[in-house]
N, C-alpha and C. Protein backbone atom coordinates (compact mmCIF):
# COMPACT_ATOMS: atom_id res chain seq x y z
N UNK A 1 -8.46 11.74 12.97
CA UNK A 1 -7.26 12.18 12.32
C UNK A 1 -7.64 12.97 11.07
N UNK A 2 -7.12 14.15 10.95
CA UNK A 2 -7.46 15.01 9.83
C UNK A 2 -6.44 14.85 8.71
N UNK A 3 -6.91 14.71 7.49
CA UNK A 3 -6.00 14.57 6.36
C UNK A 3 -5.50 15.93 5.92
N UNK A 4 -4.20 16.00 5.70
CA UNK A 4 -3.62 17.21 5.15
C UNK A 4 -3.51 17.03 3.65
N UNK A 5 -4.10 17.92 2.91
CA UNK A 5 -4.07 17.81 1.46
C UNK A 5 -2.84 18.52 0.91
N UNK A 6 -2.30 17.98 -0.15
CA UNK A 6 -1.20 18.65 -0.83
C UNK A 6 -1.69 19.06 -2.21
N UNK A 7 -0.91 19.89 -2.87
CA UNK A 7 -1.32 20.32 -4.21
C UNK A 7 -1.33 19.16 -5.19
N UNK A 8 -0.57 18.09 -4.89
CA UNK A 8 -0.54 16.93 -5.77
C UNK A 8 -1.84 16.13 -5.69
N UNK A 9 -2.58 16.26 -4.59
CA UNK A 9 -3.86 15.56 -4.48
C UNK A 9 -4.84 16.03 -5.56
N UNK A 10 -4.70 17.26 -5.98
CA UNK A 10 -5.59 17.80 -7.01
C UNK A 10 -5.31 17.17 -8.37
N UNK A 11 -4.10 16.65 -8.55
CA UNK A 11 -3.71 16.09 -9.85
C UNK A 11 -3.96 14.59 -9.94
N UNK A 12 -4.48 13.98 -8.90
CA UNK A 12 -4.72 12.54 -8.91
C UNK A 12 -6.03 12.23 -9.62
N UNK A 13 -5.99 11.19 -10.43
CA UNK A 13 -7.24 10.71 -11.00
C UNK A 13 -7.91 9.82 -9.96
N UNK A 14 -9.21 9.81 -9.92
CA UNK A 14 -9.89 8.98 -8.92
C UNK A 14 -9.59 7.50 -9.14
N UNK A 15 -9.52 6.77 -8.06
CA UNK A 15 -9.34 5.32 -8.14
C UNK A 15 -10.60 4.69 -8.70
N UNK A 16 -10.44 3.58 -9.38
CA UNK A 16 -11.57 2.79 -9.86
C UNK A 16 -11.71 1.59 -8.93
N UNK A 17 -12.80 1.53 -8.20
CA UNK A 17 -13.04 0.43 -7.28
C UNK A 17 -14.22 -0.38 -7.81
N UNK A 18 -13.94 -1.61 -8.19
CA UNK A 18 -14.96 -2.52 -8.71
C UNK A 18 -15.33 -3.52 -7.63
N UNK A 19 -16.48 -4.18 -7.74
CA UNK A 19 -16.82 -5.22 -6.77
C UNK A 19 -15.78 -6.34 -6.78
N UNK A 20 -15.56 -6.93 -5.61
CA UNK A 20 -14.63 -8.05 -5.51
C UNK A 20 -15.15 -9.21 -6.34
N UNK A 21 -14.25 -9.81 -7.11
CA UNK A 21 -14.58 -11.00 -7.91
C UNK A 21 -14.02 -12.21 -7.17
N UNK A 22 -14.87 -13.00 -6.50
CA UNK A 22 -14.36 -14.12 -5.70
C UNK A 22 -13.55 -15.13 -6.50
N UNK A 23 -13.75 -15.17 -7.82
CA UNK A 23 -13.01 -16.11 -8.66
C UNK A 23 -11.94 -15.41 -9.49
N UNK A 24 -11.69 -14.14 -9.19
CA UNK A 24 -10.71 -13.37 -9.94
C UNK A 24 -9.28 -13.81 -9.64
N UNK A 25 -8.38 -13.30 -10.44
CA UNK A 25 -6.97 -13.68 -10.35
C UNK A 25 -6.20 -12.74 -9.42
N UNK A 26 -5.18 -13.31 -8.79
CA UNK A 26 -4.16 -12.53 -8.10
C UNK A 26 -2.83 -12.86 -8.77
N UNK A 27 -1.87 -11.99 -8.63
CA UNK A 27 -0.57 -12.19 -9.28
C UNK A 27 0.20 -13.26 -8.52
N UNK A 28 0.55 -14.31 -9.22
CA UNK A 28 1.31 -15.40 -8.60
C UNK A 28 2.79 -15.30 -8.92
N UNK A 29 3.13 -14.54 -9.92
CA UNK A 29 4.53 -14.39 -10.32
C UNK A 29 5.15 -13.15 -9.70
N UNK A 30 6.09 -12.59 -10.42
CA UNK A 30 6.80 -11.41 -9.95
C UNK A 30 5.90 -10.18 -9.99
N UNK A 31 5.89 -9.46 -8.88
CA UNK A 31 5.12 -8.23 -8.77
C UNK A 31 6.01 -7.07 -9.20
N UNK A 32 5.44 -6.10 -9.92
CA UNK A 32 6.23 -5.00 -10.46
C UNK A 32 6.96 -4.19 -9.39
N UNK A 33 6.25 -3.80 -8.34
CA UNK A 33 6.86 -2.97 -7.29
C UNK A 33 6.35 -3.41 -5.92
N UNK A 34 7.28 -3.54 -4.98
CA UNK A 34 6.91 -3.84 -3.60
C UNK A 34 7.65 -2.86 -2.70
N UNK A 35 6.89 -2.07 -1.97
CA UNK A 35 7.46 -1.16 -0.97
C UNK A 35 7.30 -1.82 0.39
N UNK A 36 8.38 -1.89 1.16
CA UNK A 36 8.37 -2.67 2.39
C UNK A 36 8.91 -1.87 3.56
N UNK A 37 8.22 -1.97 4.69
CA UNK A 37 8.73 -1.48 5.97
C UNK A 37 9.11 -2.72 6.77
N UNK A 38 10.41 -3.02 6.89
CA UNK A 38 10.82 -4.27 7.53
C UNK A 38 10.46 -4.33 9.01
N UNK A 39 10.19 -5.52 9.48
CA UNK A 39 9.98 -5.76 10.91
C UNK A 39 11.36 -5.95 11.53
N UNK A 40 11.59 -5.40 12.71
CA UNK A 40 12.93 -5.50 13.30
C UNK A 40 13.36 -6.92 13.68
N UNK A 41 12.40 -7.81 13.95
CA UNK A 41 12.76 -9.16 14.39
C UNK A 41 12.11 -10.29 13.62
N UNK A 42 10.96 -10.07 13.07
CA UNK A 42 10.21 -11.15 12.44
C UNK A 42 10.53 -11.27 10.95
N UNK A 43 10.13 -12.39 10.36
CA UNK A 43 10.40 -12.65 8.94
C UNK A 43 9.51 -11.81 8.04
N UNK A 44 8.32 -11.46 8.50
CA UNK A 44 7.41 -10.68 7.68
C UNK A 44 7.60 -9.19 7.97
N UNK A 45 7.26 -8.34 7.02
CA UNK A 45 7.43 -6.90 7.24
C UNK A 45 6.34 -6.33 8.15
N UNK A 46 6.62 -5.18 8.75
CA UNK A 46 5.58 -4.48 9.50
C UNK A 46 4.46 -4.08 8.55
N UNK A 47 4.84 -3.63 7.35
CA UNK A 47 3.85 -3.25 6.34
C UNK A 47 4.49 -3.36 4.97
N UNK A 48 3.65 -3.60 3.97
CA UNK A 48 4.14 -3.59 2.60
C UNK A 48 3.01 -3.18 1.66
N UNK A 49 3.42 -2.66 0.53
CA UNK A 49 2.50 -2.25 -0.53
C UNK A 49 2.97 -2.92 -1.81
N UNK A 50 2.05 -3.61 -2.49
CA UNK A 50 2.34 -4.24 -3.78
C UNK A 50 1.65 -3.43 -4.88
N UNK A 51 2.40 -3.10 -5.92
CA UNK A 51 1.88 -2.35 -7.06
C UNK A 51 2.20 -3.14 -8.32
N UNK A 52 1.19 -3.36 -9.16
CA UNK A 52 1.41 -4.15 -10.38
C UNK A 52 0.56 -3.59 -11.51
N UNK A 53 1.15 -3.57 -12.71
CA UNK A 53 0.41 -3.06 -13.87
C UNK A 53 -0.42 -4.18 -14.49
N UNK A 54 -1.70 -3.89 -14.66
CA UNK A 54 -2.64 -4.83 -15.28
C UNK A 54 -2.42 -4.83 -16.80
N UNK A 55 -2.94 -5.82 -17.46
CA UNK A 55 -2.79 -5.92 -18.92
C UNK A 55 -3.46 -4.77 -19.66
N UNK A 56 -4.43 -4.11 -19.04
CA UNK A 56 -5.10 -2.97 -19.69
C UNK A 56 -4.42 -1.64 -19.37
N UNK A 57 -3.18 -1.70 -18.87
CA UNK A 57 -2.35 -0.52 -18.58
C UNK A 57 -2.71 0.20 -17.28
N UNK A 58 -3.80 -0.17 -16.63
CA UNK A 58 -4.09 0.41 -15.32
C UNK A 58 -3.20 -0.25 -14.27
N UNK A 59 -3.13 0.36 -13.10
CA UNK A 59 -2.29 -0.16 -12.02
C UNK A 59 -3.16 -0.66 -10.88
N UNK A 60 -2.77 -1.79 -10.29
CA UNK A 60 -3.49 -2.40 -9.17
C UNK A 60 -2.62 -2.29 -7.93
N UNK A 61 -3.24 -2.36 -6.76
CA UNK A 61 -2.46 -2.34 -5.53
C UNK A 61 -3.03 -3.32 -4.51
N UNK A 62 -2.17 -3.65 -3.55
CA UNK A 62 -2.56 -4.48 -2.40
C UNK A 62 -1.72 -4.02 -1.22
N UNK A 63 -2.25 -4.20 -0.02
CA UNK A 63 -1.52 -3.80 1.18
C UNK A 63 -1.47 -4.96 2.17
N UNK A 64 -0.42 -4.95 2.96
CA UNK A 64 -0.24 -5.92 4.04
C UNK A 64 0.26 -5.16 5.25
N UNK A 65 -0.22 -5.55 6.42
CA UNK A 65 0.20 -4.89 7.65
C UNK A 65 0.22 -5.91 8.78
N UNK A 66 1.32 -5.96 9.50
CA UNK A 66 1.46 -6.83 10.67
C UNK A 66 1.15 -8.29 10.34
N UNK A 67 1.60 -8.74 9.19
CA UNK A 67 1.42 -10.14 8.82
C UNK A 67 0.09 -10.48 8.18
N UNK A 68 -0.80 -9.52 8.03
CA UNK A 68 -2.10 -9.78 7.42
C UNK A 68 -2.32 -8.87 6.23
N UNK A 69 -2.99 -9.38 5.22
CA UNK A 69 -3.27 -8.57 4.05
C UNK A 69 -3.69 -9.44 2.89
N UNK A 70 -3.43 -8.99 1.68
CA UNK A 70 -3.85 -9.72 0.49
C UNK A 70 -2.86 -9.48 -0.64
N UNK A 71 -2.86 -10.36 -1.63
CA UNK A 71 -1.97 -10.25 -2.80
C UNK A 71 -2.62 -9.35 -3.85
N UNK A 72 -1.77 -8.65 -4.57
CA UNK A 72 -2.25 -7.76 -5.62
C UNK A 72 -2.87 -8.60 -6.75
N UNK A 73 -3.95 -8.09 -7.31
CA UNK A 73 -4.60 -8.78 -8.42
C UNK A 73 -5.92 -8.14 -8.79
N UNK A 74 -6.39 -8.47 -9.98
CA UNK A 74 -7.65 -7.89 -10.47
C UNK A 74 -8.84 -8.33 -9.63
N UNK A 75 -8.66 -9.42 -8.89
CA UNK A 75 -9.73 -9.96 -8.05
C UNK A 75 -10.34 -8.89 -7.14
N UNK A 76 -9.49 -8.00 -6.62
CA UNK A 76 -9.93 -7.02 -5.63
C UNK A 76 -10.56 -5.78 -6.24
N UNK A 77 -10.42 -5.59 -7.55
CA UNK A 77 -11.09 -4.48 -8.22
C UNK A 77 -10.55 -3.11 -7.88
N UNK A 78 -9.28 -3.02 -7.48
CA UNK A 78 -8.69 -1.73 -7.12
C UNK A 78 -7.72 -1.31 -8.21
N UNK A 79 -8.09 -0.25 -8.95
CA UNK A 79 -7.30 0.19 -10.09
C UNK A 79 -7.09 1.70 -10.05
N UNK A 80 -5.95 2.12 -10.58
CA UNK A 80 -5.64 3.55 -10.74
C UNK A 80 -5.00 3.73 -12.11
N UNK A 81 -5.05 4.96 -12.61
CA UNK A 81 -4.52 5.23 -13.96
C UNK A 81 -3.00 5.27 -14.02
N UNK A 82 -2.34 5.53 -12.90
CA UNK A 82 -0.87 5.62 -12.91
C UNK A 82 -0.29 4.87 -11.71
N UNK A 83 0.99 4.55 -11.83
CA UNK A 83 1.68 3.87 -10.73
C UNK A 83 1.66 4.73 -9.47
N UNK A 84 1.92 6.03 -9.63
CA UNK A 84 1.96 6.91 -8.47
C UNK A 84 0.59 7.04 -7.81
N UNK A 85 -0.47 7.09 -8.62
CA UNK A 85 -1.81 7.15 -8.04
C UNK A 85 -2.12 5.87 -7.26
N UNK A 86 -1.78 4.72 -7.84
CA UNK A 86 -2.02 3.45 -7.14
C UNK A 86 -1.24 3.39 -5.83
N UNK A 87 0.00 3.88 -5.86
CA UNK A 87 0.82 3.89 -4.65
C UNK A 87 0.21 4.80 -3.60
N UNK A 88 -0.28 5.95 -4.02
CA UNK A 88 -0.93 6.90 -3.11
C UNK A 88 -2.16 6.25 -2.46
N UNK A 89 -3.01 5.62 -3.27
CA UNK A 89 -4.23 5.01 -2.72
C UNK A 89 -3.91 3.83 -1.81
N UNK A 90 -2.86 3.09 -2.13
CA UNK A 90 -2.44 1.99 -1.26
C UNK A 90 -1.97 2.52 0.09
N UNK A 91 -1.18 3.58 0.08
CA UNK A 91 -0.70 4.16 1.34
C UNK A 91 -1.87 4.70 2.16
N UNK A 92 -2.85 5.29 1.50
CA UNK A 92 -4.05 5.76 2.20
C UNK A 92 -4.81 4.59 2.83
N UNK A 93 -4.82 3.44 2.14
CA UNK A 93 -5.48 2.26 2.69
C UNK A 93 -4.75 1.77 3.94
N UNK A 94 -3.42 1.80 3.92
CA UNK A 94 -2.65 1.43 5.12
C UNK A 94 -3.00 2.37 6.27
N UNK A 95 -3.08 3.67 5.98
CA UNK A 95 -3.44 4.64 7.03
C UNK A 95 -4.84 4.36 7.59
N UNK A 96 -5.77 3.99 6.73
CA UNK A 96 -7.12 3.65 7.19
C UNK A 96 -7.08 2.43 8.09
N UNK A 97 -6.29 1.42 7.72
CA UNK A 97 -6.15 0.24 8.58
C UNK A 97 -5.55 0.61 9.93
N UNK A 98 -4.57 1.50 9.93
CA UNK A 98 -3.95 1.94 11.19
C UNK A 98 -4.98 2.62 12.10
N UNK A 99 -5.84 3.43 11.51
CA UNK A 99 -6.87 4.12 12.29
C UNK A 99 -7.83 3.14 12.96
N UNK A 100 -8.05 2.00 12.34
CA UNK A 100 -8.99 1.01 12.87
C UNK A 100 -8.41 0.18 14.01
N UNK A 101 -7.10 0.19 14.17
CA UNK A 101 -6.46 -0.63 15.21
C UNK A 101 -6.70 0.01 16.57
N UNK A 102 -7.43 -0.70 17.43
CA UNK A 102 -7.68 -0.20 18.78
C UNK A 102 -6.63 -0.69 19.76
N UNK A 103 -6.15 -1.91 19.55
CA UNK A 103 -5.13 -2.50 20.42
C UNK A 103 -4.03 -3.10 19.54
N UNK A 104 -2.90 -2.40 19.37
CA UNK A 104 -1.83 -2.91 18.51
C UNK A 104 -1.35 -4.31 18.92
N UNK A 105 -1.36 -4.61 20.21
CA UNK A 105 -0.92 -5.94 20.66
C UNK A 105 -1.78 -7.05 20.09
N UNK A 106 -3.04 -6.76 19.78
CA UNK A 106 -3.93 -7.79 19.24
C UNK A 106 -3.53 -8.23 17.83
N UNK A 107 -2.74 -7.41 17.14
CA UNK A 107 -2.24 -7.80 15.81
C UNK A 107 -0.73 -8.05 15.83
N UNK A 108 -0.17 -8.15 17.03
CA UNK A 108 1.23 -8.54 17.16
C UNK A 108 2.26 -7.45 16.97
N UNK A 109 1.85 -6.19 17.16
CA UNK A 109 2.80 -5.09 17.08
C UNK A 109 2.63 -4.18 18.29
N UNK A 110 3.64 -3.36 18.53
CA UNK A 110 3.56 -2.41 19.64
C UNK A 110 2.94 -1.10 19.16
N UNK A 111 2.61 -0.25 20.10
CA UNK A 111 2.05 1.06 19.76
C UNK A 111 3.08 1.87 18.97
N UNK A 112 4.36 1.75 19.36
CA UNK A 112 5.43 2.46 18.64
C UNK A 112 5.53 1.97 17.19
N UNK A 113 5.37 0.66 16.98
CA UNK A 113 5.43 0.11 15.63
C UNK A 113 4.23 0.57 14.80
N UNK A 114 3.07 0.70 15.43
CA UNK A 114 1.90 1.23 14.73
C UNK A 114 2.18 2.66 14.26
N UNK A 115 2.78 3.46 15.13
CA UNK A 115 3.12 4.84 14.74
C UNK A 115 4.17 4.85 13.63
N UNK A 116 5.09 3.88 13.66
CA UNK A 116 6.10 3.76 12.62
C UNK A 116 5.43 3.44 11.27
N UNK A 117 4.46 2.55 11.28
CA UNK A 117 3.72 2.21 10.06
C UNK A 117 2.98 3.44 9.54
N UNK A 118 2.33 4.18 10.44
CA UNK A 118 1.61 5.39 10.04
C UNK A 118 2.55 6.41 9.40
N UNK A 119 3.70 6.63 10.02
CA UNK A 119 4.66 7.60 9.49
C UNK A 119 5.16 7.17 8.11
N UNK A 120 5.44 5.88 7.96
CA UNK A 120 5.90 5.33 6.68
C UNK A 120 4.84 5.54 5.59
N UNK A 121 3.59 5.22 5.91
CA UNK A 121 2.51 5.35 4.93
C UNK A 121 2.24 6.82 4.59
N UNK A 122 2.36 7.71 5.56
CA UNK A 122 2.15 9.14 5.30
C UNK A 122 3.19 9.68 4.32
N UNK A 123 4.44 9.26 4.48
CA UNK A 123 5.50 9.69 3.55
C UNK A 123 5.18 9.20 2.14
N UNK A 124 4.77 7.95 2.02
CA UNK A 124 4.46 7.38 0.70
C UNK A 124 3.24 8.07 0.09
N UNK A 125 2.21 8.30 0.89
CA UNK A 125 0.99 8.94 0.37
C UNK A 125 1.28 10.35 -0.12
N UNK A 126 2.17 11.05 0.56
CA UNK A 126 2.44 12.44 0.19
C UNK A 126 3.34 12.55 -1.04
N UNK A 127 4.20 11.56 -1.27
CA UNK A 127 5.12 11.62 -2.42
C UNK A 127 5.40 10.22 -2.96
N UNK A 128 4.44 9.64 -3.69
CA UNK A 128 4.61 8.27 -4.18
C UNK A 128 5.80 8.10 -5.12
N UNK A 129 6.11 9.11 -5.92
CA UNK A 129 7.23 8.99 -6.86
C UNK A 129 8.54 8.84 -6.09
N UNK A 130 8.69 9.58 -5.02
CA UNK A 130 9.90 9.48 -4.18
C UNK A 130 9.98 8.11 -3.53
N UNK A 131 8.86 7.56 -3.15
CA UNK A 131 8.84 6.22 -2.53
C UNK A 131 9.39 5.19 -3.50
N UNK A 132 9.07 5.31 -4.78
CA UNK A 132 9.59 4.36 -5.76
C UNK A 132 11.08 4.56 -6.00
N UNK A 133 11.56 5.79 -5.87
CA UNK A 133 13.00 6.02 -5.97
C UNK A 133 13.72 5.37 -4.80
N UNK A 134 13.14 5.46 -3.60
CA UNK A 134 13.73 4.81 -2.43
C UNK A 134 13.74 3.30 -2.62
N UNK A 135 12.71 2.76 -3.26
CA UNK A 135 12.65 1.33 -3.54
C UNK A 135 13.85 0.92 -4.39
N UNK A 136 14.18 1.71 -5.41
CA UNK A 136 15.31 1.40 -6.28
C UNK A 136 16.63 1.50 -5.53
N UNK A 137 16.76 2.47 -4.62
CA UNK A 137 17.98 2.61 -3.83
C UNK A 137 18.19 1.40 -2.93
N UNK A 138 17.11 0.85 -2.38
CA UNK A 138 17.22 -0.30 -1.49
C UNK A 138 17.62 -1.57 -2.24
N UNK A 139 17.27 -1.66 -3.52
CA UNK A 139 17.60 -2.84 -4.32
C UNK A 139 19.08 -2.81 -4.71
N UNK A 140 19.59 -1.63 -5.02
CA UNK A 140 20.98 -1.48 -5.50
C UNK A 140 22.00 -1.80 -4.44
């Protein structure tokens, strides 16, 4: 799969990826932003992205897909300078996970649902600011 670059990709600061800290913290309270692609029948979403601002003003992210994933926190060492950059990198991580899926049934989703997750993540990766506006519309 070939990545299509947009002019906004040039304006992104590189992500800071640190080694995983096995004793590091994850957010146990309220997460700043959660973008969700609901599952049509199950209690868990098809995919979700968690974005949270760290105490040092950087932004952290975490992704979940088909019921599997991890909670946002400094433990994972994934940081970006802005909320939109973190959202972009999280969506790219979801797309990478989608590429690795050889048999969607093995993770409890259909091929159509895998394509739905890919389309959702591509929209978020291409315009993270718009994704956060959609998040606010869904809450209201």
